[in-house]
Amino acid sequence: MSEAQARQLYRNLLDAWNRQDAAGMAACFTADGSQVGFDGTQIDTSEKIQAHLADIFAHHQTAAFVGIVREVRSISEGAWLLRAVAGMVPPGGNDINPDTLAVQSLVAVQQGGEWRAALFQNTPAAWHDREDDREQLSAELRQAFRQSDAA
């Protein structure tokens, strides 16, 4: 895997979420992959990830992710770590919601010649008592959103 492939896998995950494509997002995972959602929900296996997301997408118009990759590195032969920050734009919105800032981690592994997510974790970035840091991250994500095709 290269850094570019890791970044593409991350983009594929976010793009599938933004399209509300449960099957597309689940396809980014290994068969035994895990997803940890913003609320701490842990879903294991791509099959259960797809079912969980299909239920969410069927009942909610979800906000769209805007992500910025902070680091991509090999952690061993056949495994890569990608760390990112993300914000969300509410449906029909035109700005980042500062209450949905997150730190995201993706562990990518190679299985059967394909690179897939073994783990994708989306952790809230609450920034308790750090309003300046929260606003700085919001501004950075706002700029990324405005430069994206989604804006």
C-alpha atoms as a PDB file:
ATOM      1  CA  MET A   1       0.000   0.000   0.000  1.00  0.00           C
ATOM      2  CA  SER A   2       1.112   3.515  -0.596  1.00  0.00           C
ATOM      3  CA  GLU A   3       0.164   6.702   1.168  1.00  0.00           C
ATOM      4  CA  ALA A   4      -2.013   7.572  -1.831  1.00  0.00           C
ATOM      5  CA  GLN A   5      -3.915   4.265  -1.516  1.00  0.00           C
ATOM      6  CA  ALA A   6      -4.527   4.875   2.192  1.00  0.00           C
ATOM      7  CA  ARG A   7      -5.839   8.351   1.447  1.00  0.00           C
ATOM      8  CA  GLN A   8      -8.091   6.952  -1.285  1.00  0.00           C
ATOM      9  CA  LEU A   9      -9.540   4.319   1.056  1.00  0.00           C
ATOM     10  CA  TYR A  10     -10.312   7.075   3.568  1.00  0.00           C
ATOM     11  CA  ARG A  11     -11.945   9.201   0.854  1.00  0.00           C
ATOM     12  CA  ASN A  12     -13.978   6.176  -0.255  1.00  0.00           C
ATOM     13  CA  LEU A  13     -15.275   5.699   3.298  1.00  0.00           C
ATOM     14  CA  LEU A  14     -16.288   9.343   3.659  1.00  0.00           C
ATOM     15  CA  ASP A  15     -17.758   9.508   0.157  1.00  0.00           C
ATOM     16  CA  ALA A  16     -19.896   6.429   0.790  1.00  0.00           C
ATOM     17  CA  TRP A  17     -21.157   7.952   4.047  1.00  0.00           C
ATOM     18  CA  ASN A  18     -21.905  11.238   2.301  1.00  0.00           C
ATOM     19  CA  ARG A  19     -23.912   9.376  -0.387  1.00  0.00           C
ATOM     20  CA  GLN A  20     -25.707   7.385   2.329  1.00  0.00           C
ATOM     21  CA  ASP A  21     -24.389   4.246   0.628  1.00  0.00           C
ATOM     22  CA  ALA A  22     -24.314   1.523   3.292  1.00  0.00           C
ATOM     23  CA  ALA A  23     -23.134  -1.170   0.877  1.00  0.00           C
ATOM     24  CA  GLY A  24     -20.408   1.082  -0.495  1.00  0.00           C
ATOM     25  CA  MET A  25     -19.137   1.925   2.953  1.00  0.00           C
ATOM     26  CA  ALA A  26     -19.245  -1.700   4.128  1.00  0.00           C
ATOM     27  CA  ALA A  27     -17.311  -2.715   1.007  1.00  0.00           C
ATOM     28  CA  CYS A  28     -14.397  -0.625   2.280  1.00  0.00           C
ATOM     29  CA  PHE A  29     -14.006  -2.972   5.282  1.00  0.00           C
ATOM     30  CA  THR A  30     -12.475  -6.390   5.699  1.00  0.00           C
ATOM     31  CA  ALA A  31     -15.015  -9.144   6.345  1.00  0.00           C
ATOM     32  CA  ASP A  32     -14.096  -8.982  10.053  1.00  0.00           C
ATOM     33  CA  GLY A  33     -13.597  -5.200  10.129  1.00  0.00           C
ATOM     34  CA  SER A  34     -14.804  -2.915  12.916  1.00  0.00           C
ATOM     35  CA  GLN A  35     -16.354   0.514  12.967  1.00  0.00           C
ATOM     36  CA  VAL A  36     -16.611   2.716  16.037  1.00  0.00           C
ATOM     37  CA  GLY A  37     -19.161   5.465  15.526  1.00  0.00           C
ATOM     38  CA  PHE A  38     -19.313   9.003  16.873  1.00  0.00           C
ATOM     39  CA  ASP A  39     -21.546   7.860  19.740  1.00  0.00           C
ATOM     40  CA  GLY A  40     -19.213   4.992  20.676  1.00  0.00           C
ATOM     41  CA  THR A  41     -21.244   2.268  18.986  1.00  0.00           C
ATOM     42  CA  GLN A  42     -18.962  -0.558  17.873  1.00  0.00           C
ATOM     43  CA  ILE A  43     -20.043  -2.661  14.918  1.00  0.00           C
ATOM     44  CA  ASP A  44     -18.021  -5.708  13.897  1.00  0.00           C
ATOM     45  CA  THR A  45     -17.989  -7.398  10.458  1.00  0.00           C
ATOM     46  CA  SER A  46     -18.691  -5.730   7.151  1.00  0.00           C
ATOM     47  CA  GLU A  47     -22.072  -7.476   6.994  1.00  0.00           C
ATOM     48  CA  LYS A  48     -23.203  -5.946  10.307  1.00  0.00           C
ATOM     49  CA  ILE A  49     -21.685  -2.583   9.385  1.00  0.00           C
ATOM     50  CA  GLN A  50     -23.792  -2.550   6.226  1.00  0.00           C
ATOM     51  CA  ALA A  51     -26.980  -3.475   8.104  1.00  0.00           C
ATOM     52  CA  HIS A  52     -26.306  -0.878  10.807  1.00  0.00           C
ATOM     53  CA  LEU A  53     -25.644   1.886   8.289  1.00  0.00           C
ATOM     54  CA  ALA A  54     -28.617   0.906   6.109  1.00  0.00           C
ATOM     55  CA  ASP A  55     -30.854   1.357   9.144  1.00  0.00           C
ATOM     56  CA  ILE A  56     -29.330   4.751   9.936  1.00  0.00           C
ATOM     57  CA  PHE A  57     -29.633   5.948   6.337  1.00  0.00           C
ATOM     58  CA  ALA A  58     -33.220   4.698   6.066  1.00  0.00           C
ATOM     59  CA  HIS A  59     -34.302   6.775   9.062  1.00  0.00           C
ATOM     60  CA  HIS A  60     -32.034   9.835   9.014  1.00  0.00           C
ATOM     61  CA  GLN A  61     -30.754  12.399   6.577  1.00  0.00           C
ATOM     62  CA  THR A  62     -27.170  12.363   7.823  1.00  0.00           C
ATOM     63  CA  ALA A  63     -24.702  15.224   7.815  1.00  0.00           C
ATOM     64  CA  ALA A  64     -21.815  15.069   5.331  1.00  0.00           C
ATOM     65  CA  PHE A  65     -18.229  14.519   6.437  1.00  0.00           C
ATOM     66  CA  VAL A  66     -15.402  16.879   5.557  1.00  0.00           C
ATOM     67  CA  GLY A  67     -12.050  15.342   6.470  1.00  0.00           C
ATOM     68  CA  ILE A  68      -8.436  16.424   6.586  1.00  0.00           C
ATOM     69  CA  VAL A  69      -5.737  13.768   6.729  1.00  0.00           C
ATOM     70  CA  ARG A  70      -3.090  14.531   9.339  1.00  0.00           C
ATOM     71  CA  GLU A  71      -0.865  11.455   9.092  1.00  0.00           C
ATOM     72  CA  VAL A  72      -0.409   8.314   7.037  1.00  0.00           C
ATOM     73  CA  ARG A  73       2.218   5.761   7.984  1.00  0.00           C
ATOM     74  CA  SER A  74       3.048   2.119   7.672  1.00  0.00           C
ATOM     75  CA  ILE A  75       2.742   0.353  11.026  1.00  0.00           C
ATOM     76  CA  SER A  76       3.945  -3.028   9.790  1.00  0.00           C
ATOM     77  CA  GLU A  77       4.198  -4.952   6.563  1.00  0.00           C
ATOM     78  CA  GLY A  78       0.655  -5.102   5.242  1.00  0.00           C
ATOM     79  CA  ALA A  79      -0.841  -2.566   7.688  1.00  0.00           C
ATOM     80  CA  TRP A  80      -1.176   1.210   7.544  1.00  0.00           C
ATOM     81  CA  LEU A  81      -2.506   3.848   9.928  1.00  0.00           C
ATOM     82  CA  LEU A  82      -4.258   6.987   8.752  1.00  0.00           C
ATOM     83  CA  ARG A  83      -5.200   9.716  11.232  1.00  0.00           C
ATOM     84  CA  ALA A  84      -7.527  12.550  10.288  1.00  0.00           C
ATOM     85  CA  VAL A  85      -9.765  15.256  11.660  1.00  0.00           C
ATOM     86  CA  ALA A  86     -13.292  15.738  10.421  1.00  0.00           C
ATOM     87  CA  GLY A  87     -16.306  17.930  10.712  1.00  0.00           C
ATOM     88  CA  MET A  88     -19.846  17.548   9.464  1.00  0.00           C
ATOM     89  CA  VAL A  89     -22.082  19.787   7.382  1.00  0.00           C
ATOM     90  CA  PRO A  90     -25.777  19.373   8.226  1.00  0.00           C
ATOM     91  CA  PRO A  91     -28.155  18.391   5.401  1.00  0.00           C
ATOM     92  CA  GLY A  92     -28.836  21.490   3.313  1.00  0.00           C
ATOM     93  CA  GLY A  93     -26.231  23.383   5.320  1.00  0.00           C
ATOM     94  CA  ASN A  94     -23.311  25.402   4.108  1.00  0.00           C
ATOM     95  CA  ASP A  95     -21.019  25.342   7.132  1.00  0.00           C
ATOM     96  CA  ILE A  96     -19.302  22.959   9.528  1.00  0.00           C
ATOM     97  CA  ASN A  97     -21.220  22.211  12.721  1.00  0.00           C
ATOM     98  CA  PRO A  98     -18.598  22.776  15.475  1.00  0.00           C
ATOM     99  CA  ASP A  99     -20.453  20.323  17.729  1.00  0.00           C
ATOM    100  CA  THR A 100     -19.574  17.436  15.399  1.00  0.00           C
ATOM    101  CA  LEU A 101     -15.802  17.802  15.186  1.00  0.00           C
ATOM    102  CA  ALA A 102     -14.042  14.449  15.309  1.00  0.00           C
ATOM    103  CA  VAL A 103     -10.704  12.717  15.241  1.00  0.00           C
ATOM    104  CA  GLN A 104     -10.732   9.702  12.943  1.00  0.00           C
ATOM    105  CA  SER A 105      -8.413   6.707  12.783  1.00  0.00           C
ATOM    106  CA  LEU A 106      -8.252   4.161   9.995  1.00  0.00           C
ATOM    107  CA  VAL A 107      -6.234   0.948  10.139  1.00  0.00           C
ATOM    108  CA  ALA A 108      -5.903  -0.490   6.645  1.00  0.00           C
ATOM    109  CA  VAL A 109      -4.778  -4.036   5.918  1.00  0.00           C
ATOM    110  CA  GLN A 110      -4.263  -6.061   2.795  1.00  0.00           C
ATOM    111  CA  GLN A 111      -6.503  -9.084   2.290  1.00  0.00           C
ATOM    112  CA  GLY A 112      -6.659 -11.013  -0.947  1.00  0.00           C
ATOM    113  CA  GLY A 113      -4.742  -8.331  -2.787  1.00  0.00           C
ATOM    114  CA  GLU A 114      -7.191  -5.592  -1.739  1.00  0.00           C
ATOM    115  CA  TRP A 115      -6.695  -2.868   0.855  1.00  0.00           C
ATOM    116  CA  ARG A 116      -9.576  -2.592   3.283  1.00  0.00           C
ATOM    117  CA  ALA A 117     -10.354  -1.028   6.640  1.00  0.00           C
ATOM    118  CA  ALA A 118      -9.742  -3.319   9.602  1.00  0.00           C
ATOM    119  CA  LEU A 119     -10.823  -0.469  11.887  1.00  0.00           C
ATOM    120  CA  PHE A 120     -12.396   2.921  11.335  1.00  0.00           C
ATOM    121  CA  GLN A 121     -12.947   4.948  14.488  1.00  0.00           C
ATOM    122  CA  ASN A 122     -14.724   8.297  14.677  1.00  0.00           C
ATOM    123  CA  THR A 123     -14.095   9.966  18.058  1.00  0.00           C
ATOM    124  CA  PRO A 124     -15.728  13.253  19.110  1.00  0.00           C
ATOM    125  CA  ALA A 125     -13.290  16.151  19.472  1.00  0.00           C
ATOM    126  CA  ALA A 126     -14.957  17.962  22.347  1.00  0.00           C
ATOM    127  CA  TRP A 127     -12.017  20.277  23.092  1.00  0.00           C
ATOM    128  CA  HIS A 128     -13.145  20.843  26.705  1.00  0.00           C
ATOM    129  CA  ASP A 129     -11.984  24.252  27.924  1.00  0.00           C
ATOM    130  CA  ARG A 130     -10.065  24.752  24.660  1.00  0.00           C
ATOM    131  CA  GLU A 131     -12.361  27.032  22.672  1.00  0.00           C
ATOM    132  CA  ASP A 132      -9.461  28.504  20.662  1.00  0.00           C
ATOM    133  CA  ASP A 133      -8.407  25.029  19.461  1.00  0.00           C
ATOM    134  CA  ARG A 134     -12.009  24.159  18.637  1.00  0.00           C
ATOM    135  CA  GLU A 135     -12.453  27.334  16.598  1.00  0.00           C
ATOM    136  CA  GLN A 136      -9.117  26.828  14.831  1.00  0.00           C
ATOM    137  CA  LEU A 137     -10.112  23.294  13.789  1.00  0.00           C
ATOM    138  CA  SER A 138     -13.572  24.494  12.739  1.00  0.00           C
ATOM    139  CA  ALA A 139     -11.984  27.205  10.583  1.00  0.00           C
ATOM    140  CA  GLU A 140      -9.594  24.717   8.981  1.00  0.00           C
ATOM    141  CA  LEU A 141     -12.420  22.290   8.197  1.00  0.00           C
ATOM    142  CA  ARG A 142     -14.606  25.155   6.956  1.00  0.00           C
ATOM    143  CA  GLN A 143     -11.871  26.085   4.492  1.00  0.00           C
ATOM    144  CA  ALA A 144     -11.533  22.460   3.354  1.00  0.00           C
ATOM    145  CA  PHE A 145     -15.309  22.299   2.840  1.00  0.00           C
ATOM    146  CA  ARG A 146     -15.319  25.470   0.754  1.00  0.00           C
ATOM    147  CA  GLN A 147     -12.510  24.087  -1.418  1.00  0.00           C
ATOM    148  CA  SER A 148     -14.303  20.766  -1.922  1.00  0.00           C
ATOM    149  CA  ASP A 149     -16.835  19.829  -4.563  1.00  0.00           C
ATOM    150  CA  ALA A 150     -19.493  19.574  -1.829  1.00  0.00           C
ATOM    151  CA  ALA A 151     -19.582  23.322  -1.125  1.00  0.00           C
END
